[in-house]
C-alpha cells in the first residue's frame, strides 16, 4: 500500500486488496479546491471518501475516472476495500457551528486506516469502540476548524494506533489559517525531523510500531 499526501486533509491511497497481481485500487480522501492555496489533487480514482461537504474537502470533480463517492456514514465495500463511515461533528457543539463530519475507517491488505476528517470534539465511547484497533490514524492537528495539537494527542493516546499521520495543519503554500505541527510534536515528543510526501507500508511493517508519527509534506 502506498499513501501520498496532497496537503490539507487530502490523501491518495493506492492498494491491492486482493493481493499481488491484481489491479490497483486508487482511493482519494477529501480532495480540496483552489481555496486552500495548494494545487488540487488530480488523477484517476476508483473511490473518493468525502468527510464533509465543504469546498476544501469535496472537490470530487478534480478527479478523473468514474469513482464511487462515499460522503455519508454507513458500511460499504468497493473493489474489495471495506469502508466504515462513522457519524461525528465538525465542532464541539454537536454540529451547531460547522455541521456534520464523517470519520472513515477503511480496511485493505489486512490493515485498518482511520481518517478523522475535520473532527471538532472528543470522541465518544461508541466512536472509540469502532475505531479501536486501527493501524494508521490520520488526525487533524491545526485547531481553529478542528481539534488542536494538544487535543489531537489525547485522541491518539486513546486510540493507540501503530502509526500516526497528522493532517490539516499549516504547510508551505497553504493559505488556510491553522497552526503548524509544532504544538502537536511538542506534546507527542516523537516527531521526525523530516517530512515525506509519500510512503509504502505493509502489515508486517506495523507490528513493531507504537504511535510512530509520520510527518508528511507535499512534493
N, C-alpha and C. Protein backbone atom coordinates (compact mmCIF):
# COMPACT_ATOMS: atom_id res chain seq x y z
N UNK A 1 0.84 -1.19 0.00
CA UNK A 1 0.00 0.00 0.00
C UNK A 1 0.88 1.25 0.00
N UNK A 2 0.48 2.21 -0.81
CA UNK A 2 1.20 3.48 -0.82
C UNK A 2 0.25 4.60 -0.39
N UNK A 3 0.75 5.47 0.46
CA UNK A 3 -0.02 6.62 0.93
C UNK A 3 0.71 7.89 0.52
N UNK A 4 0.02 8.76 -0.19
CA UNK A 4 0.59 10.03 -0.66
C UNK A 4 -0.23 11.18 -0.11
N UNK A 5 0.46 12.25 0.27
CA UNK A 5 -0.20 13.43 0.87
C UNK A 5 -0.22 14.57 -0.13
N UNK A 6 -1.38 15.20 -0.24
CA UNK A 6 -1.51 16.36 -1.13
C UNK A 6 -1.61 17.67 -0.35
N UNK A 7 -1.58 17.59 0.97
CA UNK A 7 -1.77 18.77 1.80
C UNK A 7 -3.19 18.81 2.35
N UNK A 8 -3.39 19.69 3.34
CA UNK A 8 -4.69 19.85 3.98
C UNK A 8 -5.12 18.49 4.57
N UNK A 9 -6.27 17.95 4.17
CA UNK A 9 -6.70 16.64 4.67
C UNK A 9 -6.74 15.60 3.57
N UNK A 10 -6.08 15.87 2.47
CA UNK A 10 -6.20 15.03 1.27
C UNK A 10 -5.07 14.00 1.14
N UNK A 11 -5.47 12.76 1.00
CA UNK A 11 -4.53 11.65 0.79
C UNK A 11 -4.97 10.82 -0.40
N UNK A 12 -4.00 10.22 -1.04
CA UNK A 12 -4.24 9.23 -2.08
C UNK A 12 -3.69 7.90 -1.57
N UNK A 13 -4.53 6.90 -1.53
CA UNK A 13 -4.12 5.57 -1.08
C UNK A 13 -4.21 4.63 -2.27
N UNK A 14 -3.11 4.00 -2.59
CA UNK A 14 -3.07 3.02 -3.68
C UNK A 14 -2.86 1.65 -3.07
N UNK A 15 -3.82 0.74 -3.31
CA UNK A 15 -3.80 -0.53 -2.61
C UNK A 15 -4.18 -1.68 -3.55
N UNK A 16 -3.80 -2.89 -3.14
CA UNK A 16 -4.19 -4.11 -3.85
C UNK A 16 -4.92 -5.00 -2.85
N UNK A 17 -6.22 -4.78 -2.66
CA UNK A 17 -6.94 -5.53 -1.62
C UNK A 17 -6.99 -7.02 -1.85
N UNK A 18 -6.91 -7.46 -3.12
CA UNK A 18 -6.99 -8.90 -3.41
C UNK A 18 -5.63 -9.57 -3.51
N UNK A 19 -4.58 -8.81 -3.28
CA UNK A 19 -3.24 -9.40 -3.30
C UNK A 19 -2.45 -9.08 -4.55
N UNK A 20 -1.25 -9.63 -4.64
CA UNK A 20 -0.35 -9.36 -5.76
C UNK A 20 -0.96 -9.79 -7.09
N UNK A 21 -0.58 -9.05 -8.12
CA UNK A 21 -1.06 -9.39 -9.45
C UNK A 21 -2.43 -8.83 -9.78
N UNK A 22 -3.08 -8.29 -8.78
CA UNK A 22 -4.40 -7.68 -9.00
C UNK A 22 -4.23 -6.20 -9.37
N UNK A 23 -5.28 -5.63 -9.92
CA UNK A 23 -5.25 -4.21 -10.27
C UNK A 23 -5.21 -3.35 -9.01
N UNK A 24 -4.51 -2.21 -9.14
CA UNK A 24 -4.51 -1.23 -8.05
C UNK A 24 -5.91 -0.64 -7.87
N UNK A 25 -6.26 -0.37 -6.64
CA UNK A 25 -7.44 0.41 -6.33
C UNK A 25 -6.96 1.74 -5.78
N UNK A 26 -7.38 2.83 -6.42
CA UNK A 26 -6.91 4.17 -6.05
C UNK A 26 -8.02 4.90 -5.30
N UNK A 27 -7.68 5.31 -4.08
CA UNK A 27 -8.65 5.96 -3.19
C UNK A 27 -8.15 7.37 -2.87
N UNK A 28 -9.00 8.35 -3.04
CA UNK A 28 -8.71 9.71 -2.59
C UNK A 28 -9.61 10.04 -1.41
N UNK A 29 -9.05 10.72 -0.43
CA UNK A 29 -9.83 11.19 0.72
C UNK A 29 -9.76 12.71 0.78
N UNK A 30 -10.92 13.33 0.84
CA UNK A 30 -11.05 14.79 1.00
C UNK A 30 -10.26 15.62 -0.04
N UNK A 31 -10.54 15.45 -1.34
CA UNK A 31 -9.89 16.31 -2.34
C UNK A 31 -10.34 17.75 -2.19
N UNK A 32 -9.40 18.68 -2.22
CA UNK A 32 -9.71 20.10 -1.96
C UNK A 32 -9.71 20.90 -3.26
N UNK A 33 -10.24 22.13 -3.16
CA UNK A 33 -10.24 23.04 -4.31
C UNK A 33 -9.13 24.08 -4.14
N UNK A 34 -9.10 25.07 -5.03
CA UNK A 34 -8.01 26.06 -5.04
C UNK A 34 -8.02 26.99 -3.83
N UNK A 35 -9.11 27.02 -3.08
CA UNK A 35 -9.21 27.93 -1.93
C UNK A 35 -8.16 27.64 -0.86
N UNK A 36 -7.58 26.44 -0.89
CA UNK A 36 -6.57 26.05 0.10
C UNK A 36 -5.22 26.71 -0.19
N UNK A 37 -5.03 27.14 -1.45
CA UNK A 37 -3.75 27.74 -1.84
C UNK A 37 -2.77 26.74 -2.42
N UNK A 38 -3.11 25.47 -2.35
CA UNK A 38 -2.28 24.40 -2.89
C UNK A 38 -2.87 23.89 -4.20
N UNK A 39 -2.07 23.14 -4.95
CA UNK A 39 -2.58 22.57 -6.19
C UNK A 39 -3.53 21.41 -5.88
N UNK A 40 -4.77 21.52 -6.36
CA UNK A 40 -5.74 20.45 -6.09
C UNK A 40 -5.26 19.10 -6.64
N UNK A 41 -5.67 18.02 -6.01
CA UNK A 41 -5.27 16.70 -6.46
C UNK A 41 -5.83 16.39 -7.85
N UNK A 42 -5.09 15.57 -8.58
CA UNK A 42 -5.52 15.18 -9.92
C UNK A 42 -5.27 13.69 -10.10
N UNK A 43 -5.84 13.13 -11.18
CA UNK A 43 -5.58 11.73 -11.50
C UNK A 43 -6.84 10.89 -11.43
N UNK A 44 -6.68 9.65 -11.83
CA UNK A 44 -7.80 8.72 -11.82
C UNK A 44 -8.07 8.21 -10.42
N UNK A 45 -9.34 8.01 -10.12
CA UNK A 45 -9.74 7.49 -8.82
C UNK A 45 -10.79 6.40 -9.00
N UNK A 46 -10.70 5.37 -8.17
CA UNK A 46 -11.74 4.34 -8.11
C UNK A 46 -12.75 4.64 -7.02
N UNK A 47 -12.27 5.30 -5.97
CA UNK A 47 -13.10 5.58 -4.81
C UNK A 47 -12.69 6.92 -4.21
N UNK A 48 -13.69 7.73 -3.84
CA UNK A 48 -13.43 9.01 -3.17
C UNK A 48 -14.24 9.05 -1.89
N UNK A 49 -13.57 9.33 -0.79
CA UNK A 49 -14.23 9.50 0.50
C UNK A 49 -14.25 10.98 0.84
N UNK A 50 -15.44 11.50 1.17
CA UNK A 50 -15.62 12.91 1.49
C UNK A 50 -16.16 13.01 2.91
N UNK A 51 -15.38 13.60 3.81
CA UNK A 51 -15.78 13.62 5.22
C UNK A 51 -16.86 14.65 5.52
N UNK A 52 -16.90 15.73 4.72
CA UNK A 52 -17.96 16.73 4.90
C UNK A 52 -18.04 17.63 3.67
N UNK A 53 -19.17 18.29 3.54
CA UNK A 53 -19.48 18.99 2.29
C UNK A 53 -18.99 20.44 2.30
N UNK A 54 -17.68 20.61 2.39
CA UNK A 54 -17.06 21.94 2.28
C UNK A 54 -16.12 21.92 1.07
N UNK A 55 -15.97 23.04 0.34
CA UNK A 55 -15.18 23.06 -0.89
C UNK A 55 -13.72 22.61 -0.71
N UNK A 56 -13.17 22.78 0.49
CA UNK A 56 -11.78 22.37 0.71
C UNK A 56 -11.68 20.89 1.08
N UNK A 57 -12.79 20.14 0.90
CA UNK A 57 -12.78 18.71 1.19
C UNK A 57 -13.58 17.89 0.19
N UNK A 58 -14.35 18.52 -0.68
CA UNK A 58 -15.28 17.75 -1.52
C UNK A 58 -15.13 18.03 -3.02
N UNK A 59 -13.90 18.36 -3.45
CA UNK A 59 -13.67 18.68 -4.86
C UNK A 59 -13.51 17.40 -5.70
N UNK A 60 -14.56 16.61 -5.73
CA UNK A 60 -14.53 15.33 -6.44
C UNK A 60 -14.33 15.54 -7.94
N UNK A 61 -14.85 16.68 -8.45
CA UNK A 61 -14.78 16.97 -9.89
C UNK A 61 -13.35 17.07 -10.40
N UNK A 62 -12.39 17.32 -9.53
CA UNK A 62 -10.99 17.45 -9.95
C UNK A 62 -10.40 16.11 -10.38
N UNK A 63 -11.05 15.02 -10.01
CA UNK A 63 -10.50 13.69 -10.25
C UNK A 63 -11.11 13.06 -11.50
N UNK A 64 -10.35 12.18 -12.13
CA UNK A 64 -10.78 11.53 -13.37
C UNK A 64 -11.33 10.13 -13.08
N UNK A 65 -11.87 9.53 -14.14
CA UNK A 65 -12.49 8.23 -13.97
C UNK A 65 -13.93 8.40 -13.54
N UNK A 66 -14.51 7.32 -13.14
CA UNK A 66 -15.89 7.35 -12.63
C UNK A 66 -15.90 6.72 -11.23
N UNK A 67 -15.31 7.43 -10.28
CA UNK A 67 -15.15 6.84 -8.95
C UNK A 67 -16.47 6.70 -8.19
N UNK A 68 -16.51 5.70 -7.33
CA UNK A 68 -17.58 5.63 -6.34
C UNK A 68 -17.29 6.71 -5.30
N UNK A 69 -18.31 7.44 -4.91
CA UNK A 69 -18.15 8.52 -3.93
C UNK A 69 -18.96 8.18 -2.68
N UNK A 70 -18.29 8.18 -1.54
CA UNK A 70 -18.96 7.93 -0.26
C UNK A 70 -18.82 9.18 0.60
N UNK A 71 -19.94 9.76 0.98
CA UNK A 71 -19.90 11.01 1.75
C UNK A 71 -20.87 11.02 2.93
N UNK A 72 -21.36 9.85 3.31
CA UNK A 72 -22.24 9.75 4.48
C UNK A 72 -21.87 8.51 5.29
N UNK A 73 -22.24 8.48 6.58
CA UNK A 73 -21.94 7.31 7.41
C UNK A 73 -22.61 6.04 6.87
N UNK A 74 -22.03 4.91 7.21
CA UNK A 74 -22.58 3.62 6.80
C UNK A 74 -21.47 2.61 6.58
N UNK A 75 -21.84 1.41 6.17
CA UNK A 75 -20.88 0.35 5.87
C UNK A 75 -20.89 0.08 4.37
N UNK A 76 -19.70 0.01 3.78
CA UNK A 76 -19.59 -0.13 2.33
C UNK A 76 -18.47 -1.11 1.98
N UNK A 77 -18.55 -1.63 0.75
CA UNK A 77 -17.45 -2.41 0.20
C UNK A 77 -17.32 -2.03 -1.27
N UNK A 78 -16.15 -1.55 -1.66
CA UNK A 78 -15.89 -1.12 -3.03
C UNK A 78 -14.59 -1.75 -3.51
N UNK A 79 -14.68 -2.57 -4.55
CA UNK A 79 -13.50 -3.21 -5.15
C UNK A 79 -12.62 -3.92 -4.12
N UNK A 80 -13.25 -4.57 -3.17
CA UNK A 80 -12.50 -5.33 -2.17
C UNK A 80 -12.05 -4.53 -0.96
N UNK A 81 -12.30 -3.23 -0.96
CA UNK A 81 -11.96 -2.38 0.19
C UNK A 81 -13.21 -2.20 1.05
N UNK A 82 -13.11 -2.53 2.32
CA UNK A 82 -14.23 -2.33 3.24
C UNK A 82 -14.12 -0.97 3.90
N UNK A 83 -15.23 -0.27 3.96
CA UNK A 83 -15.25 1.09 4.50
C UNK A 83 -16.34 1.22 5.54
N UNK A 84 -16.01 1.83 6.65
CA UNK A 84 -16.99 2.17 7.68
C UNK A 84 -17.01 3.68 7.84
N UNK A 85 -18.16 4.31 7.66
CA UNK A 85 -18.32 5.74 7.90
C UNK A 85 -19.02 5.96 9.22
N UNK A 86 -18.40 6.73 10.10
CA UNK A 86 -18.91 6.94 11.46
C UNK A 86 -19.32 8.39 11.63
N UNK A 87 -20.54 8.61 12.09
CA UNK A 87 -21.06 9.97 12.26
C UNK A 87 -20.33 10.70 13.39
N UNK A 88 -19.93 11.95 13.10
CA UNK A 88 -19.26 12.80 14.09
C UNK A 88 -19.60 14.25 13.77
N UNK A 89 -18.93 15.18 14.46
CA UNK A 89 -19.24 16.61 14.25
C UNK A 89 -17.98 17.40 13.95
N UNK A 90 -18.20 18.52 13.25
CA UNK A 90 -17.13 19.42 12.84
C UNK A 90 -16.79 20.43 13.94
N UNK A 91 -17.49 20.38 15.05
CA UNK A 91 -17.28 21.32 16.15
C UNK A 91 -17.63 20.62 17.46
N UNK A 92 -17.48 21.36 18.56
CA UNK A 92 -17.73 20.78 19.88
C UNK A 92 -19.16 21.03 20.35
N UNK A 93 -20.03 21.51 19.46
CA UNK A 93 -21.42 21.81 19.81
C UNK A 93 -22.40 20.99 18.96
N UNK A 94 -22.05 19.74 18.76
CA UNK A 94 -22.88 18.79 18.02
C UNK A 94 -23.31 19.32 16.65
N UNK A 95 -22.38 19.97 15.97
CA UNK A 95 -22.63 20.42 14.61
C UNK A 95 -23.30 21.77 14.47
N UNK A 96 -23.59 22.42 15.58
CA UNK A 96 -24.31 23.70 15.53
C UNK A 96 -23.52 24.79 14.81
N UNK A 97 -22.18 24.72 14.88
CA UNK A 97 -21.34 25.76 14.27
C UNK A 97 -20.91 25.40 12.85
N UNK A 98 -20.45 24.16 12.64
CA UNK A 98 -19.89 23.80 11.33
C UNK A 98 -20.45 22.51 10.74
N UNK A 99 -21.45 21.94 11.36
CA UNK A 99 -22.14 20.81 10.77
C UNK A 99 -21.54 19.44 11.06
N UNK A 100 -21.92 18.51 10.21
CA UNK A 100 -21.55 17.11 10.39
C UNK A 100 -20.14 16.83 9.87
N UNK A 101 -19.58 15.72 10.33
CA UNK A 101 -18.29 15.23 9.86
C UNK A 101 -18.35 13.70 9.90
N UNK A 102 -17.86 13.06 8.86
CA UNK A 102 -17.84 11.60 8.84
C UNK A 102 -16.41 11.10 9.02
N UNK A 103 -16.22 10.26 10.03
CA UNK A 103 -14.94 9.58 10.24
C UNK A 103 -14.97 8.32 9.38
N UNK A 104 -13.90 8.08 8.64
CA UNK A 104 -13.84 6.88 7.82
C UNK A 104 -12.78 5.91 8.32
N UNK A 105 -13.16 4.64 8.41
CA UNK A 105 -12.20 3.56 8.67
C UNK A 105 -12.23 2.65 7.45
N UNK A 106 -11.10 2.50 6.79
CA UNK A 106 -11.06 1.62 5.63
C UNK A 106 -10.08 0.48 5.87
N UNK A 107 -10.44 -0.66 5.30
CA UNK A 107 -9.66 -1.88 5.53
C UNK A 107 -9.23 -2.47 4.20
N UNK A 108 -7.92 -2.68 4.06
CA UNK A 108 -7.37 -3.28 2.85
C UNK A 108 -5.97 -3.83 3.17
N UNK A 109 -5.59 -4.88 2.51
CA UNK A 109 -4.28 -5.51 2.73
C UNK A 109 -4.04 -5.82 4.21
N UNK A 110 -5.11 -6.22 4.89
CA UNK A 110 -5.07 -6.60 6.32
C UNK A 110 -4.71 -5.44 7.23
N UNK A 111 -4.85 -4.20 6.73
CA UNK A 111 -4.58 -3.01 7.54
C UNK A 111 -5.85 -2.18 7.66
N UNK A 112 -5.98 -1.52 8.81
CA UNK A 112 -7.12 -0.62 9.03
C UNK A 112 -6.59 0.81 9.17
N UNK A 113 -7.15 1.68 8.35
CA UNK A 113 -6.73 3.08 8.33
C UNK A 113 -7.92 3.94 8.71
N UNK A 114 -7.71 4.87 9.63
CA UNK A 114 -8.77 5.77 10.06
C UNK A 114 -8.42 7.21 9.71
N UNK A 115 -9.35 7.88 9.02
CA UNK A 115 -9.22 9.30 8.68
C UNK A 115 -10.31 10.02 9.47
N UNK A 116 -9.88 10.88 10.40
CA UNK A 116 -10.84 11.51 11.32
C UNK A 116 -11.58 12.71 10.70
N UNK A 117 -11.21 13.08 9.46
CA UNK A 117 -11.86 14.24 8.85
C UNK A 117 -11.61 15.50 9.66
N UNK A 118 -12.54 16.42 9.62
CA UNK A 118 -12.41 17.66 10.41
C UNK A 118 -13.07 17.49 11.78
N UNK A 119 -12.55 16.52 12.52
CA UNK A 119 -13.09 16.26 13.86
C UNK A 119 -12.97 17.50 14.73
N UNK A 120 -14.05 17.85 15.41
CA UNK A 120 -14.02 19.06 16.23
C UNK A 120 -14.30 18.82 17.70
N UNK A 121 -14.25 17.58 18.15
CA UNK A 121 -14.65 17.26 19.52
C UNK A 121 -13.95 16.00 20.01
N UNK A 122 -14.10 15.72 21.31
CA UNK A 122 -13.61 14.46 21.87
C UNK A 122 -14.42 13.32 21.28
N UNK A 123 -13.79 12.20 21.08
CA UNK A 123 -14.51 11.02 20.59
C UNK A 123 -15.34 10.41 21.72
N UNK A 124 -16.53 9.94 21.37
CA UNK A 124 -17.37 9.25 22.34
C UNK A 124 -16.88 7.82 22.54
N UNK A 125 -17.37 7.19 23.59
CA UNK A 125 -17.00 5.79 23.83
C UNK A 125 -17.42 4.90 22.66
N UNK A 126 -18.59 5.20 22.10
CA UNK A 126 -19.09 4.41 20.97
C UNK A 126 -18.19 4.57 19.75
N UNK A 127 -17.78 5.81 19.48
CA UNK A 127 -16.88 6.05 18.34
C UNK A 127 -15.54 5.36 18.56
N UNK A 128 -15.03 5.44 19.77
CA UNK A 128 -13.74 4.81 20.08
C UNK A 128 -13.81 3.29 19.91
N UNK A 129 -14.94 2.70 20.25
CA UNK A 129 -15.11 1.26 20.11
C UNK A 129 -14.95 0.82 18.66
N UNK A 130 -15.54 1.61 17.75
CA UNK A 130 -15.48 1.27 16.32
C UNK A 130 -14.07 1.49 15.77
N UNK A 131 -13.43 2.57 16.23
CA UNK A 131 -12.11 2.94 15.71
C UNK A 131 -11.00 2.09 16.33
N UNK A 132 -11.26 1.55 17.50
CA UNK A 132 -10.25 0.80 18.24
C UNK A 132 -9.57 -0.27 17.37
N UNK A 133 -8.24 -0.34 17.45
CA UNK A 133 -7.50 -1.35 16.71
C UNK A 133 -7.04 -0.91 15.34
N UNK A 134 -7.22 0.38 15.00
CA UNK A 134 -6.74 0.83 13.69
C UNK A 134 -5.21 0.85 13.68
N UNK A 135 -4.65 0.58 12.51
CA UNK A 135 -3.20 0.56 12.37
C UNK A 135 -2.63 1.95 12.11
N UNK A 136 -3.31 2.71 11.24
CA UNK A 136 -2.82 4.03 10.85
C UNK A 136 -3.93 5.05 11.11
N UNK A 137 -3.59 6.10 11.85
CA UNK A 137 -4.57 7.14 12.20
C UNK A 137 -4.16 8.46 11.57
N UNK A 138 -5.06 9.01 10.74
CA UNK A 138 -4.87 10.34 10.15
C UNK A 138 -5.68 11.32 10.98
N UNK A 139 -4.97 12.22 11.65
CA UNK A 139 -5.61 13.06 12.67
C UNK A 139 -5.36 14.55 12.41
N UNK A 140 -6.43 15.38 12.44
CA UNK A 140 -6.23 16.83 12.28
C UNK A 140 -5.58 17.43 13.52
N UNK A 141 -4.66 18.37 13.33
CA UNK A 141 -3.93 18.93 14.47
C UNK A 141 -3.88 20.45 14.48
N UNK A 142 -4.44 21.10 13.45
CA UNK A 142 -4.22 22.54 13.26
C UNK A 142 -5.09 23.48 14.06
N UNK A 143 -6.14 22.95 14.72
CA UNK A 143 -7.00 23.82 15.50
C UNK A 143 -7.88 24.73 14.65
N UNK A 144 -8.57 25.64 15.31
CA UNK A 144 -9.50 26.62 14.73
C UNK A 144 -10.74 25.96 14.13
N UNK A 145 -10.56 25.13 13.11
CA UNK A 145 -11.68 24.43 12.49
C UNK A 145 -11.82 22.99 12.99
N UNK A 146 -10.78 22.50 13.63
CA UNK A 146 -10.74 21.11 14.12
C UNK A 146 -10.14 21.10 15.53
N UNK A 147 -9.96 19.92 16.06
CA UNK A 147 -9.21 19.81 17.31
C UNK A 147 -7.78 20.33 17.09
N UNK A 148 -7.17 20.82 18.17
CA UNK A 148 -5.81 21.35 18.05
C UNK A 148 -4.77 20.28 18.39
N UNK A 149 -3.51 20.68 18.39
CA UNK A 149 -2.42 19.73 18.60
C UNK A 149 -2.50 19.01 19.93
N UNK A 150 -2.88 19.72 20.98
CA UNK A 150 -2.96 19.11 22.31
C UNK A 150 -4.08 18.08 22.37
N UNK A 151 -5.25 18.49 21.87
CA UNK A 151 -6.40 17.58 21.87
C UNK A 151 -6.13 16.37 20.96
N UNK A 152 -5.45 16.63 19.85
CA UNK A 152 -5.11 15.54 18.92
C UNK A 152 -4.26 14.49 19.61
N UNK A 153 -3.34 14.92 20.46
CA UNK A 153 -2.50 13.97 21.21
C UNK A 153 -3.35 13.10 22.14
N UNK A 154 -4.35 13.71 22.77
CA UNK A 154 -5.26 12.94 23.64
C UNK A 154 -5.98 11.87 22.83
N UNK A 155 -6.45 12.26 21.65
CA UNK A 155 -7.15 11.32 20.78
C UNK A 155 -6.23 10.17 20.38
N UNK A 156 -5.01 10.51 19.99
CA UNK A 156 -4.04 9.49 19.57
C UNK A 156 -3.80 8.49 20.70
N UNK A 157 -3.65 8.99 21.92
CA UNK A 157 -3.33 8.11 23.06
C UNK A 157 -4.51 7.24 23.45
N UNK A 158 -5.72 7.71 23.17
CA UNK A 158 -6.89 6.87 23.44
C UNK A 158 -7.01 5.74 22.42
N UNK A 159 -6.64 6.02 21.18
CA UNK A 159 -6.77 5.03 20.10
C UNK A 159 -5.56 4.10 20.03
N UNK A 160 -4.38 4.63 20.33
CA UNK A 160 -3.12 3.88 20.31
C UNK A 160 -2.89 3.14 18.99
N UNK A 161 -2.87 3.87 17.88
CA UNK A 161 -2.58 3.23 16.60
C UNK A 161 -1.09 2.89 16.50
N UNK A 162 -0.74 2.06 15.54
CA UNK A 162 0.68 1.79 15.30
C UNK A 162 1.37 3.02 14.71
N UNK A 163 0.65 3.72 13.85
CA UNK A 163 1.24 4.85 13.14
C UNK A 163 0.28 6.03 13.14
N UNK A 164 0.84 7.24 13.28
CA UNK A 164 0.05 8.47 13.33
C UNK A 164 0.48 9.39 12.20
N UNK A 165 -0.50 9.85 11.42
CA UNK A 165 -0.22 10.77 10.32
C UNK A 165 -0.99 12.07 10.57
N UNK A 166 -0.32 13.13 11.04
CA UNK A 166 -1.01 14.41 11.25
C UNK A 166 -1.45 15.01 9.92
N UNK A 167 -2.56 15.78 9.97
CA UNK A 167 -3.07 16.45 8.77
C UNK A 167 -3.77 17.74 9.19
N UNK A 168 -4.25 18.46 8.20
CA UNK A 168 -5.00 19.72 8.43
C UNK A 168 -4.18 20.67 9.31
N UNK A 169 -2.92 20.86 8.89
CA UNK A 169 -2.05 21.81 9.60
C UNK A 169 -1.32 22.66 8.58
N UNK A 170 -0.68 23.70 9.04
CA UNK A 170 -0.04 24.67 8.15
C UNK A 170 1.20 24.06 7.50
N UNK A 171 1.19 24.07 6.16
CA UNK A 171 2.38 23.66 5.41
C UNK A 171 2.69 24.74 4.38
N UNK A 172 3.87 24.69 3.80
CA UNK A 172 4.28 25.70 2.82
C UNK A 172 3.27 25.79 1.68
N UNK A 173 2.83 27.00 1.38
CA UNK A 173 1.91 27.22 0.28
C UNK A 173 0.45 27.28 0.69
N UNK A 174 0.11 26.67 1.82
CA UNK A 174 -1.28 26.66 2.27
C UNK A 174 -1.69 28.04 2.80
N UNK A 175 -2.89 28.47 2.42
CA UNK A 175 -3.40 29.76 2.89
C UNK A 175 -4.43 29.59 4.00
N UNK A 176 -4.65 28.36 4.43
CA UNK A 176 -5.64 28.10 5.48
C UNK A 176 -5.08 28.53 6.83
N UNK A 177 -5.92 29.22 7.60
CA UNK A 177 -5.49 29.78 8.89
C UNK A 177 -5.55 28.72 9.99
N UNK A 178 -4.55 27.87 9.99
CA UNK A 178 -4.42 26.84 11.02
C UNK A 178 -2.99 26.82 11.53
N UNK A 179 -2.79 26.18 12.67
CA UNK A 179 -1.45 26.11 13.27
C UNK A 179 -0.59 25.08 12.55
N UNK A 180 0.73 25.21 12.74
CA UNK A 180 1.64 24.21 12.18
C UNK A 180 1.73 23.02 13.14
N UNK A 181 2.70 22.15 12.91
CA UNK A 181 2.80 20.90 13.66
C UNK A 181 3.50 21.03 15.01
N UNK A 182 4.04 22.22 15.34
CA UNK A 182 4.93 22.34 16.50
C UNK A 182 4.27 21.96 17.82
N UNK A 183 3.05 22.42 18.03
CA UNK A 183 2.36 22.12 19.30
C UNK A 183 2.12 20.61 19.43
N UNK A 184 1.65 20.02 18.36
CA UNK A 184 1.40 18.57 18.37
C UNK A 184 2.69 17.81 18.63
N UNK A 185 3.74 18.19 17.93
CA UNK A 185 5.02 17.48 18.07
C UNK A 185 5.63 17.66 19.45
N UNK A 186 5.42 18.84 20.02
CA UNK A 186 5.91 19.09 21.38
C UNK A 186 5.20 18.17 22.38
N UNK A 187 3.91 18.01 22.20
CA UNK A 187 3.12 17.15 23.09
C UNK A 187 3.45 15.67 22.89
N UNK A 188 3.58 15.26 21.63
CA UNK A 188 3.84 13.84 21.34
C UNK A 188 5.27 13.45 21.67
N UNK A 189 6.20 14.33 21.32
CA UNK A 189 7.59 14.11 21.65
C UNK A 189 8.35 13.14 20.76
N UNK A 190 7.72 12.66 19.68
CA UNK A 190 8.42 11.68 18.85
C UNK A 190 8.27 11.97 17.36
N UNK A 191 8.13 13.26 17.00
CA UNK A 191 8.01 13.60 15.58
C UNK A 191 9.39 13.51 14.90
N UNK A 192 9.42 13.04 13.67
CA UNK A 192 10.69 13.00 12.94
C UNK A 192 11.08 14.41 12.48
N UNK A 193 12.34 14.59 12.13
CA UNK A 193 12.80 15.90 11.66
C UNK A 193 12.33 16.19 10.25
N UNK A 194 12.28 15.16 9.42
CA UNK A 194 11.98 15.35 8.01
C UNK A 194 10.56 14.92 7.66
N UNK A 195 10.02 15.57 6.63
CA UNK A 195 8.70 15.22 6.12
C UNK A 195 8.85 14.40 4.84
N UNK A 196 7.89 13.52 4.62
CA UNK A 196 7.86 12.75 3.38
C UNK A 196 6.54 13.06 2.66
N UNK A 197 6.57 12.97 1.33
CA UNK A 197 5.34 13.23 0.58
C UNK A 197 4.53 11.95 0.38
N UNK A 198 5.23 10.80 0.45
CA UNK A 198 4.53 9.52 0.34
C UNK A 198 5.37 8.42 0.97
N UNK A 199 4.71 7.34 1.31
CA UNK A 199 5.44 6.18 1.83
C UNK A 199 4.66 4.91 1.51
N UNK A 200 5.37 3.81 1.47
CA UNK A 200 4.75 2.49 1.26
C UNK A 200 4.77 1.72 2.57
N UNK A 201 3.72 0.94 2.80
CA UNK A 201 3.61 0.25 4.07
C UNK A 201 2.95 -1.12 3.87
N UNK A 202 3.40 -2.11 4.63
CA UNK A 202 2.79 -3.43 4.65
C UNK A 202 2.41 -3.75 6.09
N UNK A 203 1.52 -4.70 6.24
CA UNK A 203 1.05 -5.08 7.57
C UNK A 203 2.22 -5.44 8.49
N UNK A 204 3.17 -6.20 7.96
CA UNK A 204 4.29 -6.66 8.81
C UNK A 204 5.17 -5.50 9.27
N UNK A 205 5.16 -4.38 8.50
CA UNK A 205 5.96 -3.21 8.89
C UNK A 205 5.41 -2.54 10.14
N UNK A 206 4.13 -2.76 10.42
CA UNK A 206 3.46 -2.06 11.52
C UNK A 206 3.60 -2.76 12.86
N UNK A 207 4.01 -4.01 12.83
CA UNK A 207 3.96 -4.82 14.04
C UNK A 207 4.82 -4.28 15.18
N UNK A 208 5.96 -3.67 14.84
CA UNK A 208 6.86 -3.17 15.88
C UNK A 208 6.62 -1.71 16.22
N UNK A 209 5.65 -1.09 15.56
CA UNK A 209 5.45 0.35 15.76
C UNK A 209 4.41 0.62 16.83
N UNK A 210 4.62 1.68 17.58
CA UNK A 210 3.67 2.08 18.62
C UNK A 210 3.52 3.60 18.58
N UNK A 211 2.44 4.07 17.98
CA UNK A 211 2.15 5.51 17.85
C UNK A 211 3.32 6.27 17.20
N UNK A 212 3.94 5.64 16.21
CA UNK A 212 5.01 6.28 15.49
C UNK A 212 4.44 7.38 14.59
N UNK A 213 5.00 8.58 14.68
CA UNK A 213 4.49 9.71 13.91
C UNK A 213 5.22 9.79 12.57
N UNK A 214 4.45 9.96 11.49
CA UNK A 214 5.00 10.23 10.17
C UNK A 214 4.52 11.61 9.75
N UNK A 215 5.44 12.54 9.65
CA UNK A 215 5.09 13.90 9.19
C UNK A 215 5.14 13.93 7.67
N UNK A 216 4.07 14.42 7.06
CA UNK A 216 4.00 14.44 5.61
C UNK A 216 3.92 15.86 5.08
N UNK A 217 4.61 16.08 3.96
CA UNK A 217 4.56 17.35 3.23
C UNK A 217 4.18 17.05 1.80
N UNK A 218 4.29 18.03 0.94
CA UNK A 218 3.95 17.80 -0.47
C UNK A 218 5.20 17.98 -1.32
N UNK A 219 5.19 17.32 -2.47
CA UNK A 219 6.34 17.37 -3.35
C UNK A 219 6.51 18.75 -3.97
